[in-house]
Amino acid sequence: MTVGAVTADGRARVLADGNQLPMLGLGVWQVPNGPVCVNAVRWALELGYRHIDTAQAYGNEESVGRALRDSGVPREDVFITTKFYPGHRDPVAEAEQSLRRLGVDQVDLYLIHWPQRGPTWAWPGMERARERGLTRSIGVSNFSAADLDKVATAGTVVPAVNQVQFSPFEDRRALLAACERLNVAVEAYSPLGTGRHLSDATVRRVAQRAGRTPAHVLLRWCLQHGIPVIPKSTHRERIAENAQIFDFTLSGADMAELDALDRTRGTDRALERGWW
C-alpha cells in the first residue's frame, strides 16, 4: 500500500513507517479509571472497534488494559495508542510504566501529548522508545506546522501521526497540507466538538438529506478527507452509532457545505491557544 493511502476497505490509513492506523477508534479522554472506562472499551471492542486511544495524562490506562483482557479479542488485532505526558522527563521510562499499566508488551502508537517546553526536546526519547520495541510507531499531538518542521529537521524519524482537534468547524487545512508534505497522518480528536457540533443547523440539514445522524455526518466528513477519527463516548448506543460510518458517502455538495463551516480560517496551528 502507498504511504498516506487509505486501505481498499476504507478502514485503515497507511502510515509512513508502513504500519496501519484504523480509521475509527474509541477515545477515552475524561473517562475515569474504573468500571465506566472498562465498560466503554469492552463495548467498543465487542462492536468491532480495533483502536483504543488513551494517554498517561488520562489516568485510565489500567482500565483500558483490563477491558482488552476481558474482551477476549487477541492483542495483535487491537491498535493501542498512548501519549507521553511532557511534564515528565523521560519518554522511555514513562512508556515502560504505560506498558505495565496496560498489561501489554508494546503499544502501537506513542505520541508526545503536546509540545510543552518546545517541540523537539522529547523526540530523541521517543525515537529510543521505538528502537527498544516499546512502540511500533511514534508521533505527536497538538503540534503546529512550525513545530512539526522543527521535529522533522532535528530527528532521524519523522512523526507518523499528528493528532489534533479536527472537524468541519476546525478545518486546519494549512496544517493538514503541512502534514501531508511530510507524510504525517493527521488524526482527529474531538471530531464531534465534545457534542457541541451535533446541534449545528448545517450539520443537521446535511444529516437529514443523507438519511444519517449528525454524528455520522461529522465523522464521515473526516474520513472523506483521509483523516482517522477517535470519537469519545461512554454510552453503548452512541459507541455503536459512531461505528456506522463505512456504509455511505457524502456527496460533493454535502462536503462543500460542511467545509464552509470552518472557524479557523484554515490555520496551520493545532490550537487557537495553548494550555501549557
Protein backbone atom coordinates (compact mmCIF):
# COMPACT_ATOMS: atom_id res chain seq x y z
CA MET A 1 0.00 0.00 0.00
CA THR A 2 1.11 3.54 -0.73
CA VAL A 3 2.12 5.67 2.25
CA GLY A 4 -0.72 8.03 3.18
CA ALA A 5 -3.30 5.93 1.35
CA VAL A 6 -6.43 4.53 2.91
CA THR A 7 -6.70 0.74 2.58
CA ALA A 8 -9.08 -0.71 -0.02
CA ASP A 9 -11.73 -1.48 2.61
CA GLY A 10 -11.59 2.12 3.85
CA ARG A 11 -10.83 1.08 7.41
CA ALA A 12 -7.14 1.98 7.89
CA ARG A 13 -4.59 4.62 6.94
CA VAL A 14 -1.11 3.51 5.90
CA LEU A 15 1.49 5.39 7.94
CA ALA A 16 4.92 6.49 6.74
CA ASP A 17 6.54 3.62 8.66
CA GLY A 18 4.27 1.06 6.96
CA ASN A 19 2.03 0.42 9.97
CA GLN A 20 -1.72 0.82 9.56
CA LEU A 21 -3.80 3.15 11.74
CA PRO A 22 -7.51 2.24 11.94
CA MET A 23 -9.77 4.99 10.61
CA LEU A 24 -12.07 4.60 13.62
CA GLY A 25 -11.06 4.39 17.26
CA LEU A 26 -12.51 5.00 20.69
CA GLY A 27 -11.06 7.92 22.62
CA VAL A 28 -11.16 7.77 26.43
CA TRP A 29 -10.23 11.35 27.34
CA GLN A 30 -12.06 12.43 30.53
CA VAL A 31 -13.26 8.87 31.19
CA PRO A 32 -12.42 7.98 34.81
CA ASN A 33 -10.32 4.94 35.62
CA GLY A 34 -12.64 2.14 36.72
CA PRO A 35 -15.85 0.46 35.56
CA VAL A 36 -17.02 3.32 33.30
CA CYS A 37 -13.83 3.15 31.24
CA VAL A 38 -13.67 -0.66 31.30
CA ASN A 39 -17.24 -0.90 30.02
CA ALA A 40 -16.76 1.69 27.28
CA VAL A 41 -13.65 -0.04 25.93
CA ARG A 42 -15.17 -3.52 26.23
CA TRP A 43 -18.33 -2.40 24.41
CA ALA A 44 -16.27 -0.77 21.66
CA LEU A 45 -14.28 -3.95 21.11
CA GLU A 46 -17.48 -6.02 21.08
CA LEU A 47 -18.91 -3.65 18.48
CA GLY A 48 -15.92 -4.04 16.17
CA TYR A 49 -13.66 -1.15 17.11
CA ARG A 50 -10.00 -2.09 16.79
CA HIS A 51 -8.30 1.09 18.03
CA ILE A 52 -8.31 2.44 21.58
CA ASP A 53 -6.71 5.82 22.29
CA THR A 54 -5.58 6.67 25.82
CA ALA A 55 -2.81 8.74 27.45
CA GLN A 56 -0.70 8.88 30.57
CA ALA A 57 -2.44 12.15 31.48
CA TYR A 58 -5.87 10.48 31.35
CA GLY A 59 -5.08 8.19 34.29
CA ASN A 60 -7.09 5.31 32.81
CA GLU A 61 -4.52 3.07 31.10
CA GLU A 62 -5.18 0.32 33.66
CA SER A 63 -8.85 0.22 32.72
CA VAL A 64 -8.03 0.08 29.02
CA GLY A 65 -5.76 -2.89 29.68
CA ARG A 66 -8.37 -4.64 31.83
CA ALA A 67 -11.04 -4.20 29.15
CA LEU A 68 -8.68 -5.53 26.47
CA ARG A 69 -8.01 -8.65 28.52
CA ASP A 70 -11.70 -9.13 29.38
CA SER A 71 -12.78 -8.71 25.76
CA GLY A 72 -11.09 -11.85 24.51
CA VAL A 73 -10.02 -10.00 21.35
CA PRO A 74 -6.43 -11.02 20.52
CA ARG A 75 -3.89 -8.34 21.39
CA GLU A 76 -2.50 -8.33 17.86
CA ASP A 77 -5.92 -7.36 16.49
CA VAL A 78 -6.18 -4.15 18.55
CA PHE A 79 -4.27 -0.93 17.83
CA ILE A 80 -3.43 0.82 21.11
CA THR A 81 -2.33 4.45 21.32
CA THR A 82 -1.00 6.16 24.42
CA LYS A 83 0.69 9.52 24.89
CA PHE A 84 3.78 10.76 26.72
CA TYR A 85 2.96 13.37 29.35
CA PRO A 86 5.54 16.10 28.61
CA GLY A 87 5.60 17.33 32.19
CA HIS A 88 7.81 14.29 32.82
CA ARG A 89 11.40 13.94 31.64
CA ASP A 90 11.93 10.55 30.01
CA PRO A 91 9.63 9.17 27.29
CA VAL A 92 11.28 5.72 27.61
CA ALA A 93 10.71 5.38 31.35
CA GLU A 94 7.15 6.65 31.02
CA ALA A 95 6.44 4.24 28.15
CA GLU A 96 7.61 1.36 30.32
CA GLN A 97 5.18 2.48 33.04
CA SER A 98 2.37 2.73 30.47
CA LEU A 99 3.04 -0.83 29.29
CA ARG A 100 2.82 -2.08 32.87
CA ARG A 101 -0.47 -0.30 33.43
CA LEU A 102 -1.88 -1.50 30.10
CA GLY A 103 -0.61 -5.04 30.65
CA VAL A 104 0.95 -5.27 27.18
CA ASP A 105 4.48 -5.69 25.85
CA GLN A 106 4.20 -2.92 23.25
CA VAL A 107 1.83 -0.15 22.15
CA ASP A 108 1.13 0.51 18.50
CA LEU A 109 1.45 4.30 18.65
CA TYR A 110 3.14 6.56 21.21
CA LEU A 111 2.59 10.31 20.91
CA ILE A 112 4.02 13.40 22.60
CA HIS A 113 0.78 14.76 24.05
CA TRP A 114 1.60 18.45 23.48
CA PRO A 115 4.76 20.50 22.79
CA GLN A 116 5.44 21.63 26.36
CA ARG A 117 8.96 23.11 26.77
CA GLY A 118 9.32 23.13 22.98
CA PRO A 119 8.63 20.62 20.23
CA THR A 120 11.99 18.85 19.90
CA TRP A 121 13.44 18.02 23.34
CA ALA A 122 11.39 14.83 23.90
CA TRP A 123 11.76 13.46 20.38
CA PRO A 124 15.10 11.64 20.92
CA GLY A 125 13.44 9.77 23.80
CA MET A 126 10.50 8.90 21.59
CA GLU A 127 12.91 7.52 18.99
CA ARG A 128 14.61 5.44 21.71
CA ALA A 129 11.24 4.07 22.80
CA ARG A 130 10.64 2.90 19.24
CA GLU A 131 14.14 1.46 18.88
CA ARG A 132 13.65 -0.54 22.08
CA GLY A 133 10.40 -2.02 20.80
CA LEU A 134 8.17 -0.29 23.35
CA THR A 135 6.06 1.07 20.49
CA ARG A 136 5.66 0.29 16.81
CA SER A 137 5.09 3.91 15.72
CA ILE A 138 5.80 7.32 17.23
CA GLY A 139 4.16 10.67 16.65
CA VAL A 140 2.91 13.87 18.20
CA SER A 141 -0.29 15.60 19.23
CA ASN A 142 -1.27 19.28 19.22
CA PHE A 143 1.79 20.23 17.12
CA SER A 144 1.60 23.14 14.66
CA ALA A 145 3.17 23.10 11.20
CA ALA A 146 6.16 25.02 12.58
CA ASP A 147 6.51 22.53 15.45
CA LEU A 148 6.44 19.62 13.01
CA ASP A 149 9.09 21.18 10.78
CA LYS A 150 11.40 21.51 13.80
CA VAL A 151 10.91 17.87 14.80
CA ALA A 152 11.40 16.65 11.23
CA THR A 153 14.66 18.61 10.99
CA ALA A 154 16.00 17.60 14.41
CA GLY A 155 15.08 13.92 14.42
CA THR A 156 16.05 10.85 12.45
CA VAL A 157 12.42 9.68 12.19
CA VAL A 158 9.53 11.93 11.12
CA PRO A 159 6.41 11.63 13.30
CA ALA A 160 3.99 9.11 11.83
CA VAL A 161 0.93 10.92 13.22
CA ASN A 162 -0.14 14.37 14.42
CA GLN A 163 -3.31 14.05 16.48
CA VAL A 164 -5.20 17.36 16.60
CA GLN A 165 -8.72 18.68 17.01
CA PHE A 166 -10.23 18.46 13.55
CA SER A 167 -13.79 18.78 12.25
CA PRO A 168 -15.71 20.90 9.75
CA PHE A 169 -15.53 23.68 12.36
CA GLU A 170 -11.79 23.17 12.93
CA ASP A 171 -10.71 22.52 9.34
CA ARG A 172 -6.99 23.21 9.76
CA ARG A 173 -6.29 22.99 6.05
CA ALA A 174 -2.82 24.53 6.15
CA LEU A 175 -1.78 22.18 8.96
CA LEU A 176 -3.19 19.22 7.02
CA ALA A 177 -1.21 20.31 3.94
CA ALA A 178 1.98 20.65 6.00
CA CYS A 179 1.46 17.17 7.44
CA GLU A 180 0.83 15.67 4.02
CA ARG A 181 4.04 17.27 2.74
CA LEU A 182 5.96 15.42 5.48
CA ASN A 183 3.94 12.17 5.15
CA VAL A 184 2.50 12.72 8.64
CA ALA A 185 -1.04 11.40 9.08
CA VAL A 186 -3.47 13.82 10.72
CA GLU A 187 -5.78 12.12 13.22
CA ALA A 188 -8.87 13.90 14.58
CA TYR A 189 -9.71 14.10 18.25
CA SER A 190 -13.00 15.69 19.38
CA PRO A 191 -14.43 15.34 15.84
CA LEU A 192 -17.90 15.92 17.33
CA GLY A 193 -16.73 19.02 19.22
CA THR A 194 -17.40 17.16 22.51
CA GLY A 195 -21.03 17.09 21.35
CA ARG A 196 -21.32 20.80 20.53
CA HIS A 197 -21.28 20.33 16.77
CA LEU A 198 -24.17 17.85 16.74
CA SER A 199 -26.79 20.58 17.05
CA ASP A 200 -25.46 22.83 14.27
CA ALA A 201 -28.17 23.64 11.72
CA THR A 202 -25.99 22.89 8.69
CA VAL A 203 -24.82 19.56 10.10
CA ARG A 204 -28.40 18.59 10.88
CA ARG A 205 -29.57 19.62 7.41
CA VAL A 206 -26.87 17.54 5.71
CA ALA A 207 -27.66 14.62 8.01
CA GLN A 208 -31.36 14.77 7.15
CA ARG A 209 -30.56 14.92 3.44
CA ALA A 210 -28.23 11.91 3.76
CA GLY A 211 -30.61 9.96 5.95
CA ARG A 212 -27.97 9.71 8.68
CA THR A 213 -27.33 11.19 12.13
CA PRO A 214 -25.31 14.36 12.77
CA ALA A 215 -22.56 12.23 14.35
CA HIS A 216 -22.37 10.08 11.22
CA VAL A 217 -22.01 13.18 9.06
CA LEU A 218 -19.25 14.76 11.16
CA LEU A 219 -17.24 11.55 11.34
CA ARG A 220 -17.75 10.70 7.67
CA TRP A 221 -16.55 14.19 6.69
CA CYS A 222 -13.21 13.41 8.37
CA LEU A 223 -12.94 10.01 6.72
CA GLN A 224 -13.54 11.51 3.28
CA HIS A 225 -10.65 13.89 3.94
CA GLY A 226 -8.49 10.82 4.74
CA ILE A 227 -8.45 11.62 8.48
CA PRO A 228 -8.88 8.86 11.10
CA VAL A 229 -11.23 9.70 13.99
CA ILE A 230 -11.36 8.80 17.70
CA PRO A 231 -14.78 9.90 18.99
CA LYS A 232 -15.28 9.50 22.73
CA SER A 233 -18.39 8.07 24.36
CA THR A 234 -19.23 6.03 27.45
CA HIS A 235 -22.71 5.05 26.19
CA ARG A 236 -23.01 1.75 24.35
CA GLU A 237 -25.65 3.03 21.92
CA ARG A 238 -23.51 6.04 20.98
CA ILE A 239 -20.41 3.89 20.60
CA ALA A 240 -22.44 1.69 18.25
CA GLU A 241 -23.82 4.70 16.35
CA ASN A 242 -20.35 6.19 15.84
CA ALA A 243 -19.18 2.97 14.15
CA GLN A 244 -21.78 3.16 11.36
CA ILE A 245 -19.71 5.36 9.08
CA PHE A 246 -18.33 2.97 6.46
CA ASP A 247 -21.52 2.23 4.51
CA PHE A 248 -22.33 5.61 2.98
CA THR A 249 -20.67 8.55 1.23
CA LEU A 250 -21.32 12.26 1.49
CA SER A 251 -21.82 14.00 -1.84
CA GLY A 252 -19.51 16.68 -3.15
CA ALA A 253 -22.19 19.27 -2.36
CA ASP A 254 -22.53 17.96 1.20
CA MET A 255 -18.76 18.08 1.70
CA ALA A 256 -18.55 21.65 0.37
CA GLU A 257 -21.36 22.78 2.65
CA LEU A 258 -19.55 21.27 5.65
CA ASP A 259 -16.16 22.66 4.54
CA ALA A 260 -17.68 26.14 4.72
CA LEU A 261 -18.26 25.79 8.48
CA ASP A 262 -14.56 26.25 9.32
CA ARG A 263 -13.86 28.79 12.06
CA THR A 264 -10.05 28.59 11.99
CA ARG A 265 -9.50 30.26 8.60
CA GLY A 266 -7.67 27.13 7.50
CA THR A 267 -4.92 27.64 10.08
CA ASP A 268 -1.61 25.79 10.26
CA ARG A 269 -1.81 25.81 14.06
CA ALA A 270 -3.04 22.86 16.11
CA LEU A 271 -4.72 25.02 18.73
CA GLU A 272 -6.08 28.52 18.89
CA ARG A 273 -4.29 28.85 22.25
CA GLY A 274 -2.02 26.54 24.22
CA TRP A 275 -2.92 25.26 27.69
CA TRP A 276 0.66 24.64 28.81
